[in-house]
C-alpha atoms as a PDB file:
ATOM      1  CA  MET A   1     120.828 125.854 159.756  1.00  0.00           C
ATOM      2  CA  HIS A   2     123.507 126.874 157.270  1.00  0.00           C
ATOM      3  CA  SER A   3     123.971 130.588 156.696  1.00  0.00           C
ATOM      4  CA  ILE A   4     126.470 133.012 155.182  1.00  0.00           C
ATOM      5  CA  LYS A   5     127.615 136.097 157.079  1.00  0.00           C
ATOM      6  CA  TYR A   6     129.344 139.076 155.515  1.00  0.00           C
ATOM      7  CA  GLN A   7     129.705 142.844 155.572  1.00  0.00           C
ATOM      8  CA  ARG A   8     128.665 145.257 152.867  1.00  0.00           C
ATOM      9  CA  LYS A   9     129.944 148.803 152.392  1.00  0.00           C
ATOM     10  CA  LEU A  10     127.042 150.829 151.029  1.00  0.00           C
ATOM     11  CA  ILE A  11     127.498 152.627 147.742  1.00  0.00           C
ATOM     12  CA  GLY A  12     125.645 155.748 146.661  1.00  0.00           C
ATOM     13  CA  VAL A  13     123.012 154.117 144.474  1.00  0.00           C
ATOM     14  CA  GLU A  14     122.086 151.641 147.232  1.00  0.00           C
ATOM     15  CA  LYS A  15     121.457 154.456 149.678  1.00  0.00           C
ATOM     16  CA  LYS A  16     119.612 156.553 147.092  1.00  0.00           C
ATOM     17  CA  LEU A  17     117.291 153.788 145.833  1.00  0.00           C
ATOM     18  CA  GLY A  18     116.977 151.890 149.108  1.00  0.00           C
ATOM     19  CA  PHE A  19     118.301 148.490 148.100  1.00  0.00           C
ATOM     20  CA  LEU A  20     121.093 146.144 149.184  1.00  0.00           C
ATOM     21  CA  TYR A  21     123.291 144.316 146.688  1.00  0.00           C
ATOM     22  CA  VAL A  22     123.861 140.607 147.411  1.00  0.00           C
ATOM     23  CA  PRO A  23     127.363 139.267 146.597  1.00  0.00           C
ATOM     24  CA  ALA A  24     127.892 136.038 144.691  1.00  0.00           C
ATOM     25  CA  GLU A  25     128.754 133.963 147.761  1.00  0.00           C
ATOM     26  CA  ALA A  26     125.360 134.612 149.331  1.00  0.00           C
ATOM     27  CA  ARG A  27     123.094 134.311 146.308  1.00  0.00           C
ATOM     28  CA  ALA A  28     122.917 130.519 146.511  1.00  0.00           C
ATOM     29  CA  MET A  29     120.786 130.909 149.638  1.00  0.00           C
ATOM     30  CA  LEU A  30     118.233 133.124 147.872  1.00  0.00           C
ATOM     31  CA  PRO A  31     115.618 132.420 145.168  1.00  0.00           C
ATOM     32  CA  ASN A  32     116.770 132.201 141.563  1.00  0.00           C
ATOM     33  CA  GLU A  33     113.742 134.161 140.436  1.00  0.00           C
ATOM     34  CA  ASN A  34     112.260 137.469 141.550  1.00  0.00           C
ATOM     35  CA  ALA A  35     110.448 136.815 144.823  1.00  0.00           C
ATOM     36  CA  GLU A  36     109.407 138.152 148.184  1.00  0.00           C
ATOM     37  CA  ILE A  37     111.751 137.223 151.044  1.00  0.00           C
ATOM     38  CA  LYS A  38     111.803 137.679 154.803  1.00  0.00           C
ATOM     39  CA  VAL A  39     114.212 140.344 156.111  1.00  0.00           C
ATOM     40  CA  LEU A  40     114.855 140.754 159.844  1.00  0.00           C
ATOM     41  CA  PHE A  41     116.222 144.188 160.693  1.00  0.00           C
ATOM     42  CA  GLN A  42     118.258 145.077 163.754  1.00  0.00           C
ATOM     43  CA  GLY A  43     115.985 145.731 166.734  1.00  0.00           C
ATOM     44  CA  ALA A  44     112.913 144.189 165.110  1.00  0.00           C
ATOM     45  CA  LEU A  45     111.088 141.262 166.678  1.00  0.00           C
ATOM     46  CA  LYS A  46     109.620 139.944 163.446  1.00  0.00           C
ATOM     47  CA  PRO A  47     110.943 139.865 159.872  1.00  0.00           C
ATOM     48  CA  LYS A  48     109.387 142.029 157.183  1.00  0.00           C
ATOM     49  CA  ILE A  49     108.587 140.990 153.637  1.00  0.00           C
ATOM     50  CA  LYS A  50     110.834 142.619 151.041  1.00  0.00           C
ATOM     51  CA  LYS A  51     111.268 142.153 147.314  1.00  0.00           C
ATOM     52  CA  TYR A  52     114.344 140.356 145.965  1.00  0.00           C
ATOM     53  CA  ASN A  53     115.350 140.957 142.357  1.00  0.00           C
ATOM     54  CA  ALA A  54     117.237 137.856 141.241  1.00  0.00           C
ATOM     55  CA  ASP A  55     118.148 139.376 137.874  1.00  0.00           C
ATOM     56  CA  HIS A  56     120.169 142.147 139.509  1.00  0.00           C
ATOM     57  CA  ASN A  57     120.828 140.484 142.911  1.00  0.00           C
ATOM     58  CA  ARG A  58     119.208 143.259 144.952  1.00  0.00           C
ATOM     59  CA  ILE A  59     116.975 143.372 148.021  1.00  0.00           C
ATOM     60  CA  PHE A  60     114.643 146.364 147.821  1.00  0.00           C
ATOM     61  CA  GLY A  61     112.690 148.266 150.447  1.00  0.00           C
ATOM     62  CA  LEU A  62     115.549 149.250 152.781  1.00  0.00           C
ATOM     63  CA  THR A  63     115.084 153.028 152.780  1.00  0.00           C
ATOM     64  CA  PRO A  64     113.345 153.088 156.219  1.00  0.00           C
ATOM     65  CA  PHE A  65     116.224 151.089 157.751  1.00  0.00           C
ATOM     66  CA  TYR A  66     118.846 153.362 156.210  1.00  0.00           C
ATOM     67  CA  LYS A  67     117.029 156.480 157.454  1.00  0.00           C
ATOM     68  CA  LYS A  68     116.409 155.070 160.941  1.00  0.00           C
ATOM     69  CA  HIS A  69     120.113 154.457 161.480  1.00  0.00           C
ATOM     70  CA  ASN A  70     121.217 157.533 159.527  1.00  0.00           C
ATOM     71  CA  LEU A  71     123.338 155.432 157.187  1.00  0.00           C
ATOM     72  CA  SER A  72     125.289 157.050 154.383  1.00  0.00           C
ATOM     73  CA  THR A  73     127.464 156.024 151.472  1.00  0.00           C
ATOM     74  CA  GLY A  74     130.497 154.150 152.796  1.00  0.00           C
ATOM     75  CA  ASP A  75     128.791 152.906 155.975  1.00  0.00           C
ATOM     76  CA  ILE A  76     128.972 149.190 156.637  1.00  0.00           C
ATOM     77  CA  VAL A  77     126.048 146.853 157.337  1.00  0.00           C
ATOM     78  CA  SER A  78     126.313 143.251 158.504  1.00  0.00           C
ATOM     79  CA  VAL A  79     124.248 140.643 156.726  1.00  0.00           C
ATOM     80  CA  GLU A  80     123.415 137.022 157.482  1.00  0.00           C
ATOM     81  CA  VAL A  81     121.721 135.103 154.671  1.00  0.00           C
ATOM     82  CA  SER A  82     120.011 131.750 155.121  1.00  0.00           C
ATOM     83  CA  GLU A  83     117.254 129.909 153.272  1.00  0.00           C
ATOM     84  CA  GLU A  84     114.814 131.110 155.943  1.00  0.00           C
ATOM     85  CA  ASP A  85     115.518 134.833 155.940  1.00  0.00           C
ATOM     86  CA  VAL A  86     118.030 137.659 155.668  1.00  0.00           C
ATOM     87  CA  GLU A  87     119.174 139.438 158.830  1.00  0.00           C
ATOM     88  CA  ILE A  88     120.606 142.953 158.538  1.00  0.00           C
ATOM     89  CA  THR A  89     122.393 144.580 161.474  1.00  0.00           C
ATOM     90  CA  LEU A  90     125.200 147.015 162.204  1.00  0.00           C
ATOM     91  CA  GLU A  91     127.348 144.480 164.058  1.00  0.00           C
ATOM     92  CA  GLU A  92     130.687 143.416 162.654  1.00  0.00           C
ATOM     93  CA  VAL A  93     131.013 139.951 161.132  1.00  0.00           C
ATOM     94  CA  GLU A  94     133.445 138.309 158.743  1.00  0.00           C
ATOM     95  CA  LYS A  95     133.814 140.336 155.600  1.00  0.00           C
ATOM     96  CA  ILE A  96     133.259 138.807 152.181  1.00  0.00           C
ATOM     97  CA  GLU A  97     135.068 140.561 149.377  1.00  0.00           C
ATOM     98  CA  ASP A  98     132.929 141.082 146.327  1.00  0.00           C
ATOM     99  CA  SER A  99     134.790 143.305 143.949  1.00  0.00           C
ATOM    100  CA  GLN A 100     132.249 142.643 141.201  1.00  0.00           C
ATOM    101  CA  GLU A 101     135.083 142.467 138.704  1.00  0.00           C
ATOM    102  CA  LYS A 102     134.372 143.031 135.069  1.00  0.00           C
ATOM    103  CA  GLU A 103     133.072 140.005 133.281  1.00  0.00           C
ATOM    104  CA  ASP A 104     135.361 138.422 130.755  1.00  0.00           C
ATOM    105  CA  GLU A 105     135.057 140.425 127.543  1.00  0.00           C
ATOM    106  CA  ASN A 106     133.717 137.307 125.826  1.00  0.00           C
ATOM    107  CA  PHE A 107     130.683 137.193 128.098  1.00  0.00           C
ATOM    108  CA  ILE A 108     127.439 138.780 126.999  1.00  0.00           C
ATOM    109  CA  ASP A 109     125.469 140.652 129.642  1.00  0.00           C
ATOM    110  CA  VAL A 110     121.957 139.179 129.845  1.00  0.00           C
ATOM    111  CA  SER A 111     120.895 141.033 132.985  1.00  0.00           C
ATOM    112  CA  GLY A 112     118.442 143.079 130.930  1.00  0.00           C
ATOM    113  CA  LEU A 113     116.374 140.007 130.102  1.00  0.00           C
ATOM    114  CA  SER A 114     113.358 139.325 132.284  1.00  0.00           C
ATOM    115  CA  SER A 115     112.874 135.985 134.045  1.00  0.00           C
ATOM    116  CA  GLN A 116     110.039 135.229 131.622  1.00  0.00           C
ATOM    117  CA  SER A 117     112.281 135.896 128.628  1.00  0.00           C
ATOM    118  CA  LYS A 118     115.012 133.659 129.996  1.00  0.00           C
ATOM    119  CA  GLY A 119     112.484 130.927 130.659  1.00  0.00           C
ATOM    120  CA  ASN A 120     111.146 131.171 127.125  1.00  0.00           C
ATOM    121  CA  ILE A 121     114.668 130.862 125.713  1.00  0.00           C
ATOM    122  CA  GLY A 122     115.247 127.643 127.644  1.00  0.00           C
ATOM    123  CA  GLU A 123     111.906 126.149 126.676  1.00  0.00           C
ATOM    124  CA  ASP A 124     112.489 126.988 123.007  1.00  0.00           C
ATOM    125  CA  ARG A 125     115.913 125.323 123.091  1.00  0.00           C
ATOM    126  CA  ILE A 126     114.430 122.152 124.569  1.00  0.00           C
ATOM    127  CA  LYS A 127     111.705 122.131 121.907  1.00  0.00           C
ATOM    128  CA  GLU A 128     114.360 122.469 119.201  1.00  0.00           C
ATOM    129  CA  ILE A 129     116.473 119.665 120.669  1.00  0.00           C
ATOM    130  CA  ILE A 130     113.512 117.286 120.912  1.00  0.00           C
ATOM    131  CA  LEU A 131     112.274 117.998 117.400  1.00  0.00           C
ATOM    132  CA  LEU A 132     115.694 117.807 115.753  1.00  0.00           C
ATOM    133  CA  TYR A 133     117.177 114.832 117.574  1.00  0.00           C
ATOM    134  CA  SER A 134     113.987 112.748 117.382  1.00  0.00           C
ATOM    135  CA  GLN A 135     113.916 113.288 113.618  1.00  0.00           C
ATOM    136  CA  GLY A 136     110.191 113.833 113.619  1.00  0.00           C
ATOM    137  CA  LEU A 137     109.250 110.989 115.975  1.00  0.00           C
ATOM    138  CA  LEU A 138     108.347 113.371 118.795  1.00  0.00           C
ATOM    139  CA  ASN A 139     106.081 116.395 118.860  1.00  0.00           C
ATOM    140  CA  VAL A 140     106.210 119.143 121.495  1.00  0.00           C
ATOM    141  CA  TYR A 141     103.277 121.182 122.767  1.00  0.00           C
ATOM    142  CA  LYS A 142     103.132 124.175 125.096  1.00  0.00           C
ATOM    143  CA  PRO A 143     100.227 124.590 127.537  1.00  0.00           C
ATOM    144  CA  VAL A 144      98.080 127.699 127.178  1.00  0.00           C
ATOM    145  CA  ILE A 145      98.493 128.227 130.927  1.00  0.00           C
ATOM    146  CA  ASP A 146     102.059 127.637 132.105  1.00  0.00           C
ATOM    147  CA  ASP A 147     101.755 128.499 135.792  1.00  0.00           C
ATOM    148  CA  ARG A 148     100.995 124.922 136.856  1.00  0.00           C
ATOM    149  CA  GLY A 149     104.548 123.616 136.733  1.00  0.00           C
ATOM    150  CA  ILE A 150     104.224 122.139 133.236  1.00  0.00           C
ATOM    151  CA  ASP A 151     106.153 123.958 130.504  1.00  0.00           C
ATOM    152  CA  LEU A 152     106.147 121.388 127.701  1.00  0.00           C
ATOM    153  CA  ILE A 153     104.172 118.283 126.749  1.00  0.00           C
ATOM    154  CA  VAL A 154     105.895 115.660 124.578  1.00  0.00           C
ATOM    155  CA  LEU A 155     104.066 113.074 122.462  1.00  0.00           C
ATOM    156  CA  LYS A 156     105.339 110.387 120.146  1.00  0.00           C
ATOM    157  CA  GLU A 157     103.723 110.176 116.741  1.00  0.00           C
ATOM    158  CA  LYS A 158     100.463 108.157 116.964  1.00  0.00           C
ATOM    159  CA  ILE A 159     101.037 107.316 120.658  1.00  0.00           C
ATOM    160  CA  TYR A 160      98.980 109.259 123.169  1.00  0.00           C
ATOM    161  CA  ASN A 161     100.947 108.763 126.370  1.00  0.00           C
ATOM    162  CA  PRO A 162     102.493 112.180 127.041  1.00  0.00           C
ATOM    163  CA  ILE A 163     105.602 113.180 128.933  1.00  0.00           C
ATOM    164  CA  TYR A 164     105.277 116.386 130.982  1.00  0.00           C
ATOM    165  CA  ILE A 165     108.324 118.588 131.406  1.00  0.00           C
ATOM    166  CA  GLN A 166     109.194 121.521 133.623  1.00  0.00           C
ATOM    167  CA  VAL A 167     112.162 123.468 132.245  1.00  0.00           C
ATOM    168  CA  LYS A 168     114.454 125.509 134.492  1.00  0.00           C
ATOM    169  CA  THR A 169     117.073 127.665 132.770  1.00  0.00           C
ATOM    170  CA  ARG A 170     119.944 129.301 134.641  1.00  0.00           C
ATOM    171  CA  PHE A 171     122.138 132.072 133.234  1.00  0.00           C
ATOM    172  CA  ASN A 172     124.398 132.708 136.259  1.00  0.00           C
ATOM    173  CA  VAL A 173     125.989 129.300 136.818  1.00  0.00           C
ATOM    174  CA  HIS A 174     129.368 130.504 135.551  1.00  0.00           C
ATOM    175  CA  LYS A 175     129.490 132.995 138.438  1.00  0.00           C
ATOM    176  CA  ARG A 176     128.527 130.599 141.209  1.00  0.00           C
ATOM    177  CA  ASN A 177     129.739 127.247 139.891  1.00  0.00           C
ATOM    178  CA  ARG A 178     126.367 126.021 141.119  1.00  0.00           C
ATOM    179  CA  LEU A 179     123.217 125.040 139.313  1.00  0.00           C
ATOM    180  CA  ILE A 180     120.311 125.856 141.622  1.00  0.00           C
ATOM    181  CA  LEU A 181     116.726 125.016 140.728  1.00  0.00           C
ATOM    182  CA  THR A 182     113.749 125.985 142.875  1.00  0.00           C
ATOM    183  CA  ILE A 183     110.569 124.027 142.187  1.00  0.00           C
ATOM    184  CA  ASN A 184     107.309 125.538 143.374  1.00  0.00           C
ATOM    185  CA  GLY A 185     105.816 123.277 146.009  1.00  0.00           C
ATOM    186  CA  ASN A 186     102.293 124.540 145.310  1.00  0.00           C
ATOM    187  CA  THR A 187     102.277 123.141 141.771  1.00  0.00           C
ATOM    188  CA  PHE A 188     104.730 120.260 142.100  1.00  0.00           C
ATOM    189  CA  LYS A 189     103.242 116.767 142.203  1.00  0.00           C
ATOM    190  CA  PRO A 190     105.544 113.809 141.451  1.00  0.00           C
ATOM    191  CA  HIS A 191     104.362 111.533 138.643  1.00  0.00           C
ATOM    192  CA  HIS A 192     106.005 108.828 136.557  1.00  0.00           C
ATOM    193  CA  SER A 193     105.445 110.873 133.382  1.00  0.00           C
ATOM    194  CA  TYR A 194     106.659 114.173 134.830  1.00  0.00           C
ATOM    195  CA  TYR A 195     110.290 115.300 134.542  1.00  0.00           C
ATOM    196  CA  VAL A 196     112.326 118.343 135.536  1.00  0.00           C
ATOM    197  CA  ILE A 197     114.997 119.682 133.177  1.00  0.00           C
ATOM    198  CA  GLY A 198     117.788 122.005 134.245  1.00  0.00           C
ATOM    199  CA  LEU A 199     119.605 123.991 131.552  1.00  0.00           C
ATOM    200  CA  VAL A 200     122.835 125.955 131.912  1.00  0.00           C
ATOM    201  CA  PHE A 201     123.302 128.857 129.523  1.00  0.00           C
ATOM    202  CA  ASN A 202     126.936 129.343 128.570  1.00  0.00           C
ATOM    203  CA  GLN A 203     127.336 133.102 128.121  1.00  0.00           C
ATOM    204  CA  GLU A 204     130.704 132.728 126.433  1.00  0.00           C
ATOM    205  CA  LYS A 205     129.402 130.422 123.706  1.00  0.00           C
ATOM    206  CA  MET A 206     125.924 131.983 123.729  1.00  0.00           C
ATOM    207  CA  GLU A 207     124.498 128.485 123.793  1.00  0.00           C
ATOM    208  CA  MET A 208     123.144 125.950 126.249  1.00  0.00           C
ATOM    209  CA  ASP A 209     125.734 123.602 127.712  1.00  0.00           C
ATOM    210  CA  GLU A 210     125.884 120.180 126.122  1.00  0.00           C
ATOM    211  CA  ASN A 211     125.016 118.434 129.393  1.00  0.00           C
ATOM    212  CA  ILE A 212     121.406 118.738 130.545  1.00  0.00           C
ATOM    213  CA  LEU A 213     120.050 117.892 133.990  1.00  0.00           C
ATOM    214  CA  PHE A 214     117.141 115.459 133.565  1.00  0.00           C
ATOM    215  CA  ILE A 215     115.433 114.308 136.770  1.00  0.00           C
ATOM    216  CA  PRO A 216     112.280 112.184 137.124  1.00  0.00           C
ATOM    217  CA  SER A 217     109.885 114.092 139.371  1.00  0.00           C
ATOM    218  CA  LYS A 218     109.408 110.969 141.493  1.00  0.00           C
ATOM    219  CA  GLU A 219     113.041 111.277 142.615  1.00  0.00           C
ATOM    220  CA  ILE A 220     112.971 114.989 143.494  1.00  0.00           C
ATOM    221  CA  PRO A 221     111.832 114.451 147.134  1.00  0.00           C
ATOM    222  CA  ASP A 222     114.788 112.118 147.751  1.00  0.00           C
ATOM    223  CA  LEU A 223     117.361 114.329 146.049  1.00  0.00           C
ATOM    224  CA  ALA A 224     116.314 117.905 146.784  1.00  0.00           C
ATOM    225  CA  SER A 225     115.940 119.840 150.017  1.00  0.00           C
ATOM    226  CA  GLN A 226     112.511 121.147 150.965  1.00  0.00           C
ATOM    227  CA  LEU A 227     112.182 124.800 151.898  1.00  0.00           C
ATOM    228  CA  SER A 228     109.929 126.262 154.567  1.00  0.00           C
ATOM    229  CA  ASP A 229     107.296 127.271 151.990  1.00  0.00           C
ATOM    230  CA  GLY A 230     107.058 123.713 150.668  1.00  0.00           C
ATOM    231  CA  SER A 231     109.149 124.325 147.552  1.00  0.00           C
ATOM    232  CA  TRP A 232     111.986 122.028 146.562  1.00  0.00           C
ATOM    233  CA  ARG A 233     115.553 123.173 145.916  1.00  0.00           C
ATOM    234  CA  VAL A 234     118.034 121.273 143.757  1.00  0.00           C
ATOM    235  CA  THR A 235     121.636 122.401 144.265  1.00  0.00           C
ATOM    236  CA  VAL A 236     124.362 121.003 142.015  1.00  0.00           C
ATOM    237  CA  SER A 237     127.999 122.005 142.555  1.00  0.00           C
ATOM    238  CA  LEU A 238     129.863 122.204 139.260  1.00  0.00           C
ATOM    239  CA  THR A 239     133.531 122.311 138.300  1.00  0.00           C
ATOM    240  CA  ASN A 240     134.186 123.206 134.675  1.00  0.00           C
ATOM    241  CA  GLY A 241     130.573 122.385 133.969  1.00  0.00           C
ATOM    242  CA  LYS A 242     130.710 118.914 135.528  1.00  0.00           C
ATOM    243  CA  THR A 243     129.722 117.398 138.854  1.00  0.00           C
ATOM    244  CA  THR A 244     130.876 114.344 140.784  1.00  0.00           C
ATOM    245  CA  GLY A 245     128.030 114.421 143.301  1.00  0.00           C
ATOM    246  CA  LYS A 246     124.706 112.616 143.549  1.00  0.00           C
ATOM    247  CA  TYR A 247     123.334 114.409 140.488  1.00  0.00           C
ATOM    248  CA  LYS A 248     126.065 113.147 138.158  1.00  0.00           C
ATOM    249  CA  LYS A 249     123.968 110.304 136.745  1.00  0.00           C
ATOM    250  CA  TYR A 250     121.138 112.702 135.926  1.00  0.00           C
ATOM    251  CA  PHE A 251     123.168 114.712 133.410  1.00  0.00           C
ATOM    252  CA  VAL A 252     122.607 113.681 129.808  1.00  0.00           C
ATOM    253  CA  THR A 253     123.608 114.891 126.379  1.00  0.00           C
ATOM    254  CA  LYS A 254     121.037 116.303 123.981  1.00  0.00           C
ATOM    255  CA  GLU A 255     120.846 113.011 122.098  1.00  0.00           C
ATOM    256  CA  GLU A 256     120.549 111.018 125.324  1.00  0.00           C
ATOM    257  CA  LEU A 257     117.737 113.285 126.484  1.00  0.00           C
ATOM    258  CA  VAL A 258     115.668 112.486 123.424  1.00  0.00           C
ATOM    259  CA  ASN A 259     116.467 108.768 123.655  1.00  0.00           C
ATOM    260  CA  LYS A 260     115.288 108.704 127.272  1.00  0.00           C
ATOM    261  CA  LEU A 261     112.039 110.405 126.309  1.00  0.00           C
ATOM    262  CA  LEU A 262     111.456 107.864 123.544  1.00  0.00           C
ATOM    263  CA  GLU A 263     112.245 104.948 125.855  1.00  0.00           C
ATOM    264  CA  ARG A 264     109.902 106.251 128.529  1.00  0.00           C
ATOM    265  CA  ILE A 265     107.006 106.766 126.118  1.00  0.00           C
ATOM    266  CA  ASP A 266     107.461 103.279 124.640  1.00  0.00           C
ATOM    267  CA  LEU A 267     107.622 101.707 128.108  1.00  0.00           C
ATOM    268  CA  VAL A 268     104.417 103.386 129.268  1.00  0.00           C
ATOM    269  CA  ASN A 269     102.715 102.466 126.013  1.00  0.00           C
ATOM    270  CA  GLU A 270     103.571  98.786 126.540  1.00  0.00           C
ATOM    271  CA  ILE A 271     102.182  98.871 130.067  1.00  0.00           C
ATOM    272  CA  VAL A 272      98.871 100.558 129.258  1.00  0.00           C
ATOM    273  CA  ASN A 273      98.333  98.560 126.111  1.00  0.00           C
END
């Protein structure tokens, strides 16, 4: 099982508030949204459940561990991060430098936005793209309840064969050079009319990137890796916003996205009628 090992020198606010900051190199192994994760502490036989804040890259609930080992500002802890859990000890391992340099002055800090707000921004952008580029041929609807894995429903005028879309928006791709989407296994059910969209927010341009990840849900099990909780994780390595890997063919422009939706609706309509 792949894991990342590093050392972290505690700073005052970590000790005071009882959290541990996760450097960029290790974040790819953790959820992209606020979640509970398993943390195995030195000397413990079983991991404990702790809260991970993906907006600020912090693992909370470490005060008992810090007090038990009498840790202070400047002390070093060793961390091993995998998709299964996070192990925290006092043994020495390879150090990962994470200077947390200042962002480029052109970047806008969006860390104050909640996950829900970020999700709404992405969904609104997709609605705008579909409405504008389809020139009125497509309509977009939002479910009253959006915790079932469906964010948007797309219909063509006078044709009642909908396309269901789950939208995942990521604001930290420029830091990692990776687009990582985690799809809830409890609500995910592949279907020929169900698609997953991955958006990358460019914080320099304050706009979504031109290229959009557009994956049929039927192909997710073959492309993504399945986590221990049944969820699916899509990981796309990017260089200057582009990839050469297996996901390359799934990136489309805004116009291509709308054309694919129109083609799919027309195809299904021909089959059922």
